[in-house]
Amino acid sequence: MGNLKFDVFILKKKVTDLEKLKNNTDEYCLVLNENLNSIKDIINSDSIDDGILNLDGGVIIEYNYKPLTDFSFWDDLPTLLSYMLNLVEEFKENGQAFFYFPSQPMKVELKKEGTKAKFSVHEKSIVVNSDVLIDDILRNTRKFFELLTNELQLSKYQFELDQIESIRK
């Protein structure tokens, strides 16, 4: 089956040099799966506009210890994860789906290949068990959106939680 890693991260500070980011990821990034409650310390009232969170982050995806994405793949995190949910939902309905990062021309695609799925980001791809991949995506996006709705009281993200439950059925 292979070893799949799907971790959500947020940027703790502005990135002006990609090499500095890649060489000092702990200084710039916080992986939510390891530090779920620490996000509350980073988000302040300036990050929230009319109930919508403005926060940069991304997803680290590795398969068998080979990276599909890294810390240099970031964007508006709530939007990126919402797009990821739409990708999963459309894939389950049609056997294929794609989207582009919210603010970058990087394509993300999920396509059925027999009993597995080909998951592509930008110019790299992996073939994985689709159930495992979908479960990881749903579990990690759920953690993020539960944090937003429950801990930060951002009720506008309840839609994503409802969408996750709908996809799981």
Foldseek 3Di string as FASTA:
>chain_A
DWDKDKWKKFFLDDDDDVVCCVVCVVNTIDTCVVVVPCVVVRDDPVQADPLDGFTKIGIWIDTNNHTLDDRVDIDRVVVQLLVVLVQLQVCVVPQKDWDAGPPDRWIWIWHDDPQWIWTHIRHDIDTGRSVVVLVNSLVNSLSVLCCSCPVVVSVVSVVVVVSSVVSVD
